[in-house]
């Protein structure tokens, strides 16, 4: 990783040096900054960046974020609920980890755990209809980072993405 960053920085500096010779730019090479990904936040730092309120978790194949947003708009029982992408106090805060694929994945895992730990009252989870109860698909953000961290006393209701009336309480 360091080698690639160093190589990229060298290529960038060489390109800028050539540009500087070709056109009058008053910026020296010493003023050029290559942005690194900051250290990942802790669960508590993520919690500080998340608004309080009701949460709709979701896990499924591509397009489930859109299905979850649509469900919030169309299902009365989800009025006032939000998914993680809607819960940031500062919507730009998450952007600092998006320039690195692994950091982005790790960031969302950490903040998904934080979101789960902040859950209270009743939380809903939209899951594929090919499973029942707590028979979840393995190795998902829901299975690994959210479900295990839902606090005791939080009621979790599983909902079907395709049938608004299909609900199942999976935790009380």
N, C-alpha and C. Protein backbone atom coordinates (compact mmCIF):
# COMPACT_ATOMS: atom_id res chain seq x y z
N UNK A 1 0.83 -1.18 0.00
CA UNK A 1 0.00 0.00 0.00
C UNK A 1 0.88 1.26 0.00
N UNK A 2 1.91 1.28 0.88
CA UNK A 2 2.79 2.43 0.94
C UNK A 2 3.51 2.62 -0.39
N UNK A 3 3.93 1.48 -0.99
CA UNK A 3 4.61 1.56 -2.28
C UNK A 3 3.71 2.22 -3.32
N UNK A 4 2.42 1.80 -3.36
CA UNK A 4 1.50 2.37 -4.33
C UNK A 4 1.27 3.86 -4.08
N UNK A 5 1.14 4.24 -2.81
CA UNK A 5 0.98 5.65 -2.49
C UNK A 5 2.21 6.45 -2.92
N UNK A 6 3.40 5.89 -2.65
CA UNK A 6 4.64 6.56 -3.01
C UNK A 6 4.76 6.69 -4.53
N UNK A 7 4.41 5.60 -5.24
CA UNK A 7 4.46 5.62 -6.69
C UNK A 7 3.47 6.65 -7.25
N UNK A 8 2.27 6.67 -6.71
CA UNK A 8 1.25 7.63 -7.15
C UNK A 8 1.72 9.05 -6.88
N UNK A 9 2.29 9.30 -5.71
CA UNK A 9 2.76 10.64 -5.36
C UNK A 9 3.89 11.07 -6.31
N UNK A 10 4.80 10.15 -6.60
CA UNK A 10 5.91 10.47 -7.50
C UNK A 10 5.38 10.81 -8.90
N UNK A 11 4.44 10.00 -9.40
CA UNK A 11 3.86 10.26 -10.73
C UNK A 11 3.11 11.59 -10.74
N UNK A 12 2.40 11.86 -9.68
CA UNK A 12 1.67 13.12 -9.58
C UNK A 12 2.63 14.30 -9.56
N UNK A 13 3.67 14.20 -8.77
CA UNK A 13 4.65 15.29 -8.69
C UNK A 13 5.36 15.50 -10.03
N UNK A 14 5.69 14.39 -10.71
CA UNK A 14 6.34 14.52 -12.01
C UNK A 14 5.42 15.18 -13.02
N UNK A 15 4.17 14.80 -12.99
CA UNK A 15 3.18 15.39 -13.89
C UNK A 15 3.02 16.88 -13.61
N UNK A 16 2.95 17.21 -12.34
CA UNK A 16 2.81 18.61 -11.96
C UNK A 16 4.06 19.42 -12.30
N UNK A 17 5.22 18.79 -12.16
CA UNK A 17 6.46 19.49 -12.50
C UNK A 17 6.48 19.80 -13.99
N UNK A 18 6.08 18.84 -14.81
CA UNK A 18 6.03 19.07 -16.25
C UNK A 18 5.04 20.20 -16.57
N UNK A 19 3.88 20.16 -15.92
CA UNK A 19 2.87 21.20 -16.12
C UNK A 19 3.41 22.56 -15.69
N UNK A 20 4.14 22.57 -14.58
CA UNK A 20 4.69 23.82 -14.07
C UNK A 20 5.68 24.42 -15.07
N UNK A 21 6.49 23.56 -15.73
CA UNK A 21 7.44 24.06 -16.71
C UNK A 21 6.73 24.56 -17.96
N UNK A 22 5.61 23.93 -18.30
CA UNK A 22 4.90 24.27 -19.52
C UNK A 22 4.04 25.52 -19.38
N UNK A 23 3.61 25.83 -18.17
CA UNK A 23 2.76 27.01 -17.97
C UNK A 23 3.14 27.70 -16.67
N UNK A 24 2.95 28.98 -16.60
CA UNK A 24 3.37 29.71 -15.41
C UNK A 24 2.43 29.48 -14.23
N UNK A 25 2.85 28.62 -13.34
CA UNK A 25 2.10 28.36 -12.10
C UNK A 25 3.02 28.78 -10.96
N UNK A 26 2.50 29.51 -10.04
CA UNK A 26 3.32 30.05 -8.95
C UNK A 26 3.37 29.15 -7.73
N UNK A 27 2.81 27.96 -7.81
CA UNK A 27 2.83 27.04 -6.69
C UNK A 27 4.05 26.15 -6.78
N UNK A 28 4.78 26.02 -5.69
CA UNK A 28 5.92 25.12 -5.66
C UNK A 28 5.48 23.70 -5.35
N UNK A 29 6.32 22.73 -5.68
CA UNK A 29 5.99 21.33 -5.43
C UNK A 29 5.84 21.06 -3.94
N UNK A 30 6.49 21.79 -3.09
CA UNK A 30 6.40 21.57 -1.66
C UNK A 30 5.00 21.85 -1.13
N UNK A 31 4.20 22.62 -1.84
CA UNK A 31 2.86 22.97 -1.38
C UNK A 31 1.81 21.94 -1.78
N UNK A 32 2.19 20.94 -2.56
CA UNK A 32 1.24 19.94 -3.03
C UNK A 32 1.05 18.89 -1.93
N UNK A 33 -0.22 18.59 -1.66
CA UNK A 33 -0.55 17.66 -0.59
C UNK A 33 -1.27 16.44 -1.17
N UNK A 34 -0.83 15.23 -0.81
CA UNK A 34 -1.51 14.01 -1.18
C UNK A 34 -2.32 13.58 0.05
N UNK A 35 -3.63 13.41 -0.14
CA UNK A 35 -4.53 13.13 0.98
C UNK A 35 -4.51 11.65 1.33
N UNK A 36 -4.24 11.37 2.60
CA UNK A 36 -4.27 10.01 3.11
C UNK A 36 -5.61 9.76 3.79
N UNK A 37 -6.00 8.51 3.87
CA UNK A 37 -7.21 8.13 4.59
C UNK A 37 -6.91 8.23 6.08
N UNK A 38 -7.77 8.93 6.84
CA UNK A 38 -7.53 9.04 8.28
C UNK A 38 -7.78 7.70 8.97
N UNK A 39 -7.31 7.57 10.21
CA UNK A 39 -7.59 6.33 10.95
C UNK A 39 -9.11 6.13 11.05
N UNK A 40 -9.50 4.88 11.09
CA UNK A 40 -10.92 4.56 11.21
C UNK A 40 -11.47 5.06 12.55
N UNK A 41 -12.73 5.46 12.57
CA UNK A 41 -13.32 5.89 13.83
C UNK A 41 -13.63 4.69 14.72
N UNK A 42 -13.80 4.96 15.99
CA UNK A 42 -14.24 3.92 16.93
C UNK A 42 -15.76 3.83 16.88
N UNK A 43 -16.29 2.82 17.49
CA UNK A 43 -17.75 2.68 17.57
C UNK A 43 -18.34 3.91 18.27
N UNK A 44 -17.70 4.35 19.34
CA UNK A 44 -18.21 5.52 20.07
C UNK A 44 -18.15 6.80 19.23
N UNK A 45 -17.09 6.95 18.43
CA UNK A 45 -17.02 8.11 17.54
C UNK A 45 -18.14 8.07 16.50
N UNK A 46 -18.44 6.89 16.00
CA UNK A 46 -19.58 6.76 15.07
C UNK A 46 -20.88 7.12 15.77
N UNK A 47 -21.07 6.63 17.00
CA UNK A 47 -22.29 6.94 17.74
C UNK A 47 -22.47 8.45 17.88
N UNK A 48 -21.38 9.15 18.12
CA UNK A 48 -21.45 10.62 18.26
C UNK A 48 -21.90 11.30 16.96
N UNK A 49 -21.67 10.66 15.84
CA UNK A 49 -22.02 11.24 14.54
C UNK A 49 -23.42 10.85 14.05
N UNK A 50 -24.09 9.97 14.79
CA UNK A 50 -25.41 9.47 14.39
C UNK A 50 -26.52 10.16 15.16
N UNK A 51 -27.56 10.56 14.42
CA UNK A 51 -28.74 11.13 15.05
C UNK A 51 -29.48 10.03 15.81
N UNK A 52 -30.15 10.42 16.87
CA UNK A 52 -31.03 9.49 17.58
C UNK A 52 -32.28 9.28 16.75
N UNK A 53 -33.03 8.26 17.08
CA UNK A 53 -34.30 8.03 16.39
C UNK A 53 -34.45 6.60 15.94
N UNK A 54 -35.59 6.32 15.38
CA UNK A 54 -35.95 4.96 14.97
C UNK A 54 -35.16 4.53 13.73
N UNK A 55 -34.82 3.23 13.73
CA UNK A 55 -33.95 2.71 12.67
C UNK A 55 -34.59 1.54 11.93
N UNK A 56 -34.45 1.59 10.62
CA UNK A 56 -34.77 0.46 9.75
C UNK A 56 -33.45 -0.11 9.26
N UNK A 57 -33.14 -1.30 9.71
CA UNK A 57 -31.97 -2.03 9.21
C UNK A 57 -32.42 -2.79 7.96
N UNK A 58 -31.47 -3.15 7.13
CA UNK A 58 -31.80 -3.95 5.95
C UNK A 58 -30.58 -4.76 5.54
N UNK A 59 -30.84 -5.90 4.93
CA UNK A 59 -29.77 -6.73 4.42
C UNK A 59 -30.33 -7.57 3.29
N UNK A 60 -29.71 -7.50 2.16
CA UNK A 60 -30.17 -8.28 1.02
C UNK A 60 -29.34 -7.97 -0.20
N UNK A 61 -29.73 -8.54 -1.31
CA UNK A 61 -28.97 -8.31 -2.55
C UNK A 61 -29.04 -6.85 -2.99
N UNK A 62 -28.33 -6.56 -4.02
CA UNK A 62 -28.27 -5.20 -4.56
C UNK A 62 -29.66 -4.59 -4.68
N UNK A 63 -29.78 -3.34 -4.30
CA UNK A 63 -31.06 -2.65 -4.40
C UNK A 63 -31.84 -2.58 -3.11
N UNK A 64 -31.34 -3.21 -2.04
CA UNK A 64 -32.10 -3.21 -0.79
C UNK A 64 -32.13 -1.85 -0.11
N UNK A 65 -31.12 -1.03 -0.30
CA UNK A 65 -31.17 0.32 0.29
C UNK A 65 -32.33 1.08 -0.33
N UNK A 66 -32.51 0.94 -1.61
CA UNK A 66 -33.62 1.59 -2.30
C UNK A 66 -34.96 1.03 -1.82
N UNK A 67 -35.04 -0.29 -1.67
CA UNK A 67 -36.27 -0.91 -1.16
C UNK A 67 -36.58 -0.41 0.26
N UNK A 68 -35.56 -0.28 1.07
CA UNK A 68 -35.76 0.19 2.44
C UNK A 68 -36.27 1.64 2.45
N UNK A 69 -35.68 2.48 1.63
CA UNK A 69 -36.14 3.88 1.54
C UNK A 69 -37.59 3.95 1.05
N UNK A 70 -37.91 3.12 0.08
CA UNK A 70 -39.28 3.09 -0.45
C UNK A 70 -40.25 2.60 0.62
N UNK A 71 -39.86 1.61 1.38
CA UNK A 71 -40.72 1.10 2.45
C UNK A 71 -41.00 2.19 3.49
N UNK A 72 -39.99 2.99 3.82
CA UNK A 72 -40.17 4.08 4.79
C UNK A 72 -41.21 5.06 4.27
N UNK A 73 -41.18 5.33 2.98
CA UNK A 73 -42.13 6.28 2.39
C UNK A 73 -43.54 5.72 2.29
N UNK A 74 -43.67 4.41 2.12
CA UNK A 74 -44.98 3.86 1.80
C UNK A 74 -45.66 3.06 2.91
N UNK A 75 -44.94 2.73 3.97
CA UNK A 75 -45.54 1.92 5.04
C UNK A 75 -45.74 2.79 6.28
N UNK A 76 -46.99 2.90 6.70
CA UNK A 76 -47.32 3.76 7.84
C UNK A 76 -46.52 3.42 9.09
N UNK A 77 -46.32 2.15 9.36
CA UNK A 77 -45.62 1.74 10.58
C UNK A 77 -44.13 2.13 10.57
N UNK A 78 -43.60 2.57 9.43
CA UNK A 78 -42.21 3.01 9.35
C UNK A 78 -42.07 4.53 9.34
N UNK A 79 -43.15 5.24 9.57
CA UNK A 79 -43.08 6.70 9.57
C UNK A 79 -42.08 7.16 10.63
N UNK A 80 -41.14 8.00 10.21
CA UNK A 80 -40.12 8.52 11.12
C UNK A 80 -38.87 7.66 11.21
N UNK A 81 -38.88 6.50 10.60
CA UNK A 81 -37.70 5.62 10.63
C UNK A 81 -36.70 6.07 9.56
N UNK A 82 -35.43 5.73 9.79
CA UNK A 82 -34.37 6.07 8.85
C UNK A 82 -33.39 4.91 8.74
N UNK A 83 -32.71 4.83 7.60
CA UNK A 83 -31.61 3.88 7.43
C UNK A 83 -30.30 4.62 7.76
N UNK A 84 -29.22 3.89 7.86
CA UNK A 84 -27.93 4.48 8.25
C UNK A 84 -27.57 5.70 7.42
N UNK A 85 -27.73 5.64 6.12
CA UNK A 85 -27.34 6.75 5.25
C UNK A 85 -28.08 8.05 5.57
N UNK A 86 -29.21 7.95 6.25
CA UNK A 86 -30.00 9.13 6.60
C UNK A 86 -29.74 9.62 8.02
N UNK A 87 -28.92 8.93 8.76
CA UNK A 87 -28.75 9.20 10.19
C UNK A 87 -27.55 10.09 10.53
N UNK A 88 -26.75 10.47 9.56
CA UNK A 88 -25.55 11.26 9.87
C UNK A 88 -25.94 12.67 10.31
N UNK A 89 -25.35 13.15 11.38
CA UNK A 89 -25.52 14.55 11.79
C UNK A 89 -24.90 15.46 10.74
N UNK A 90 -23.74 15.06 10.23
CA UNK A 90 -23.05 15.77 9.14
C UNK A 90 -22.87 14.78 8.00
N UNK A 91 -23.62 14.94 6.95
CA UNK A 91 -23.61 13.95 5.86
C UNK A 91 -22.25 13.84 5.18
N UNK A 92 -21.38 14.81 5.35
CA UNK A 92 -20.05 14.75 4.73
C UNK A 92 -19.02 14.01 5.59
N UNK A 93 -19.33 13.76 6.86
CA UNK A 93 -18.37 13.13 7.76
C UNK A 93 -17.87 11.80 7.21
N UNK A 94 -18.76 11.01 6.66
CA UNK A 94 -18.40 9.68 6.16
C UNK A 94 -17.47 9.72 4.94
N UNK A 95 -17.43 10.84 4.24
CA UNK A 95 -16.68 10.91 2.99
C UNK A 95 -15.18 10.72 3.15
N UNK A 96 -14.65 11.01 4.32
CA UNK A 96 -13.20 10.93 4.49
C UNK A 96 -12.65 9.50 4.42
N UNK A 97 -13.53 8.49 4.47
CA UNK A 97 -13.08 7.10 4.35
C UNK A 97 -13.47 6.48 3.02
N UNK A 98 -13.98 7.25 2.09
CA UNK A 98 -14.50 6.71 0.85
C UNK A 98 -13.46 6.63 -0.27
N UNK A 99 -12.24 7.12 -0.04
CA UNK A 99 -11.21 7.06 -1.08
C UNK A 99 -10.39 5.77 -1.02
N UNK A 100 -10.75 4.87 -0.12
CA UNK A 100 -10.05 3.61 0.04
C UNK A 100 -11.11 2.52 0.22
N UNK A 101 -11.15 1.55 -0.68
CA UNK A 101 -12.21 0.54 -0.67
C UNK A 101 -12.28 -0.23 0.64
N UNK A 102 -11.13 -0.67 1.16
CA UNK A 102 -11.13 -1.44 2.41
C UNK A 102 -11.52 -0.55 3.59
N UNK A 103 -11.01 0.67 3.62
CA UNK A 103 -11.37 1.59 4.71
C UNK A 103 -12.86 1.89 4.68
N UNK A 104 -13.42 2.04 3.50
CA UNK A 104 -14.86 2.29 3.37
C UNK A 104 -15.67 1.13 3.93
N UNK A 105 -15.28 -0.08 3.59
CA UNK A 105 -15.98 -1.27 4.09
C UNK A 105 -15.87 -1.34 5.62
N UNK A 106 -14.66 -1.17 6.14
CA UNK A 106 -14.44 -1.22 7.58
C UNK A 106 -15.22 -0.11 8.29
N UNK A 107 -15.22 1.07 7.70
CA UNK A 107 -15.95 2.20 8.26
C UNK A 107 -17.43 1.86 8.43
N UNK A 108 -18.05 1.33 7.37
CA UNK A 108 -19.47 1.01 7.46
C UNK A 108 -19.75 -0.15 8.41
N UNK A 109 -18.83 -1.08 8.54
CA UNK A 109 -19.01 -2.15 9.53
C UNK A 109 -19.01 -1.57 10.95
N UNK A 110 -18.06 -0.70 11.22
CA UNK A 110 -17.96 -0.08 12.55
C UNK A 110 -19.20 0.77 12.84
N UNK A 111 -19.59 1.58 11.88
CA UNK A 111 -20.74 2.47 12.11
C UNK A 111 -22.06 1.71 12.11
N UNK A 112 -22.13 0.58 11.43
CA UNK A 112 -23.32 -0.26 11.51
C UNK A 112 -23.45 -0.85 12.90
N UNK A 113 -22.35 -1.24 13.49
CA UNK A 113 -22.37 -1.72 14.88
C UNK A 113 -22.83 -0.59 15.80
N UNK A 114 -22.30 0.61 15.59
CA UNK A 114 -22.70 1.76 16.41
C UNK A 114 -24.20 2.02 16.30
N UNK A 115 -24.72 1.95 15.09
CA UNK A 115 -26.14 2.16 14.86
C UNK A 115 -26.95 1.11 15.63
N UNK A 116 -26.52 -0.14 15.58
CA UNK A 116 -27.21 -1.20 16.31
C UNK A 116 -27.17 -0.95 17.82
N UNK A 117 -26.02 -0.54 18.33
CA UNK A 117 -25.90 -0.29 19.77
C UNK A 117 -26.77 0.88 20.22
N UNK A 118 -27.07 1.81 19.33
CA UNK A 118 -27.91 2.96 19.66
C UNK A 118 -29.40 2.65 19.55
N UNK A 119 -29.75 1.49 19.01
CA UNK A 119 -31.16 1.16 18.80
C UNK A 119 -31.90 1.13 20.13
N UNK A 120 -33.15 1.61 20.08
CA UNK A 120 -34.01 1.56 21.25
C UNK A 120 -35.46 1.46 20.79
N UNK A 121 -36.31 1.04 21.71
CA UNK A 121 -37.72 0.91 21.35
C UNK A 121 -37.95 -0.27 20.42
N UNK A 122 -38.44 0.03 19.22
CA UNK A 122 -38.68 -0.99 18.20
C UNK A 122 -37.84 -0.68 16.97
N UNK A 123 -37.09 -1.67 16.54
CA UNK A 123 -36.31 -1.56 15.30
C UNK A 123 -36.89 -2.55 14.30
N UNK A 124 -36.87 -2.17 13.06
CA UNK A 124 -37.31 -3.06 11.99
C UNK A 124 -36.09 -3.48 11.18
N UNK A 125 -36.16 -4.67 10.61
CA UNK A 125 -35.12 -5.13 9.70
C UNK A 125 -35.78 -5.74 8.47
N UNK A 126 -35.38 -5.25 7.31
CA UNK A 126 -35.88 -5.79 6.04
C UNK A 126 -34.89 -6.84 5.56
N UNK A 127 -35.39 -8.08 5.44
CA UNK A 127 -34.55 -9.20 5.04
C UNK A 127 -35.23 -9.97 3.91
N UNK A 128 -34.44 -10.68 3.11
CA UNK A 128 -35.02 -11.46 2.02
C UNK A 128 -36.08 -12.44 2.54
N UNK A 129 -37.09 -12.66 1.76
CA UNK A 129 -38.19 -13.53 2.18
C UNK A 129 -37.85 -15.02 2.08
N UNK A 130 -36.64 -15.34 1.62
CA UNK A 130 -36.28 -16.76 1.52
C UNK A 130 -35.73 -17.33 2.83
N UNK A 131 -35.77 -16.54 3.90
CA UNK A 131 -35.37 -17.03 5.22
C UNK A 131 -36.46 -16.66 6.22
N UNK A 132 -36.44 -17.30 7.38
CA UNK A 132 -37.43 -17.02 8.41
C UNK A 132 -36.74 -16.84 9.75
N UNK A 133 -37.45 -16.19 10.67
CA UNK A 133 -36.95 -16.03 12.04
C UNK A 133 -35.56 -15.43 12.06
N UNK A 134 -34.68 -16.07 12.79
CA UNK A 134 -33.30 -15.60 12.88
C UNK A 134 -32.37 -16.46 12.02
N UNK A 135 -32.94 -17.11 11.04
CA UNK A 135 -32.16 -17.87 10.05
C UNK A 135 -31.71 -16.88 8.98
N UNK A 136 -30.62 -16.14 9.29
CA UNK A 136 -30.14 -15.09 8.41
C UNK A 136 -29.09 -15.63 7.44
N UNK A 137 -28.92 -14.93 6.34
CA UNK A 137 -27.81 -15.25 5.44
C UNK A 137 -26.51 -14.95 6.20
N UNK A 138 -25.52 -15.84 6.13
CA UNK A 138 -24.27 -15.63 6.86
C UNK A 138 -23.39 -14.55 6.21
N UNK A 139 -22.47 -14.03 7.01
CA UNK A 139 -21.43 -13.10 6.55
C UNK A 139 -21.99 -11.83 5.94
N UNK A 140 -23.01 -11.28 6.55
CA UNK A 140 -23.57 -10.00 6.11
C UNK A 140 -23.33 -8.97 7.21
N UNK A 141 -23.46 -7.71 6.88
CA UNK A 141 -23.32 -6.66 7.89
C UNK A 141 -24.37 -6.87 8.98
N UNK A 142 -25.59 -7.22 8.58
CA UNK A 142 -26.64 -7.47 9.57
C UNK A 142 -26.24 -8.60 10.52
N UNK A 143 -25.80 -9.72 9.98
CA UNK A 143 -25.46 -10.89 10.78
C UNK A 143 -24.23 -10.67 11.65
N UNK A 144 -23.22 -10.00 11.11
CA UNK A 144 -21.94 -9.88 11.82
C UNK A 144 -21.80 -8.63 12.67
N UNK A 145 -22.45 -7.53 12.29
CA UNK A 145 -22.18 -6.26 12.97
C UNK A 145 -23.41 -5.60 13.60
N UNK A 146 -24.59 -5.93 13.15
CA UNK A 146 -25.78 -5.27 13.67
C UNK A 146 -26.54 -6.18 14.64
N UNK A 147 -27.07 -7.28 14.18
CA UNK A 147 -27.88 -8.18 15.00
C UNK A 147 -27.22 -8.52 16.35
N UNK A 148 -25.93 -8.88 16.39
CA UNK A 148 -25.33 -9.23 17.69
C UNK A 148 -25.22 -8.05 18.67
N UNK A 149 -25.40 -6.83 18.17
CA UNK A 149 -25.20 -5.64 19.01
C UNK A 149 -26.49 -4.88 19.32
N UNK A 150 -27.63 -5.45 18.94
CA UNK A 150 -28.90 -4.83 19.31
C UNK A 150 -29.05 -5.02 20.82
N UNK A 151 -29.27 -3.94 21.56
CA UNK A 151 -29.35 -4.07 23.03
C UNK A 151 -30.55 -4.90 23.48
N UNK A 152 -30.41 -5.49 24.64
CA UNK A 152 -31.54 -6.17 25.27
C UNK A 152 -32.66 -5.16 25.46
N UNK A 153 -33.87 -5.63 25.34
CA UNK A 153 -35.03 -4.75 25.52
C UNK A 153 -35.50 -4.06 24.26
N UNK A 154 -34.72 -4.15 23.19
CA UNK A 154 -35.14 -3.58 21.91
C UNK A 154 -35.93 -4.66 21.17
N UNK A 155 -37.13 -4.32 20.77
CA UNK A 155 -37.95 -5.23 19.98
C UNK A 155 -37.51 -5.11 18.53
N UNK A 156 -37.28 -6.25 17.88
CA UNK A 156 -36.87 -6.26 16.47
C UNK A 156 -37.94 -7.00 15.66
N UNK A 157 -38.45 -6.32 14.66
CA UNK A 157 -39.47 -6.89 13.79
C UNK A 157 -38.89 -7.03 12.39
N UNK A 158 -38.93 -8.24 11.92
CA UNK A 158 -38.47 -8.57 10.57
C UNK A 158 -39.59 -8.27 9.60
N UNK A 159 -39.26 -7.56 8.48
CA UNK A 159 -40.28 -7.26 7.47
C UNK A 159 -39.85 -7.78 6.11
N UNK A 160 -40.84 -8.07 5.32
CA UNK A 160 -40.65 -8.59 3.97
C UNK A 160 -40.55 -7.40 3.01
N UNK A 161 -39.56 -7.38 2.14
CA UNK A 161 -39.42 -6.26 1.20
C UNK A 161 -40.56 -6.17 0.19
N UNK A 162 -41.24 -7.29 -0.05
CA UNK A 162 -42.26 -7.33 -1.09
C UNK A 162 -43.70 -7.37 -0.57
N UNK A 163 -43.87 -7.48 0.75
CA UNK A 163 -45.21 -7.59 1.32
C UNK A 163 -45.25 -6.80 2.64
N UNK A 164 -45.87 -5.64 2.61
CA UNK A 164 -45.91 -4.76 3.78
C UNK A 164 -46.59 -5.39 4.98
N UNK A 165 -47.47 -6.36 4.76
CA UNK A 165 -48.18 -6.99 5.87
C UNK A 165 -47.44 -8.17 6.47
N UNK A 166 -46.38 -8.61 5.83
CA UNK A 166 -45.61 -9.76 6.31
C UNK A 166 -44.57 -9.27 7.32
N UNK A 167 -44.89 -9.43 8.61
CA UNK A 167 -44.03 -9.00 9.70
C UNK A 167 -43.86 -10.15 10.69
N UNK A 168 -42.69 -10.22 11.32
CA UNK A 168 -42.42 -11.25 12.29
C UNK A 168 -41.52 -10.67 13.38
N UNK A 169 -41.95 -10.75 14.63
CA UNK A 169 -41.13 -10.30 15.74
C UNK A 169 -40.06 -11.37 15.97
N UNK A 170 -38.79 -10.96 15.89
CA UNK A 170 -37.69 -11.91 16.07
C UNK A 170 -36.90 -11.66 17.35
N UNK A 171 -37.23 -10.57 18.05
CA UNK A 171 -36.57 -10.29 19.34
C UNK A 171 -37.49 -9.38 20.14
N UNK A 172 -37.64 -9.70 21.41
CA UNK A 172 -38.44 -8.83 22.29
C UNK A 172 -37.63 -8.42 23.49
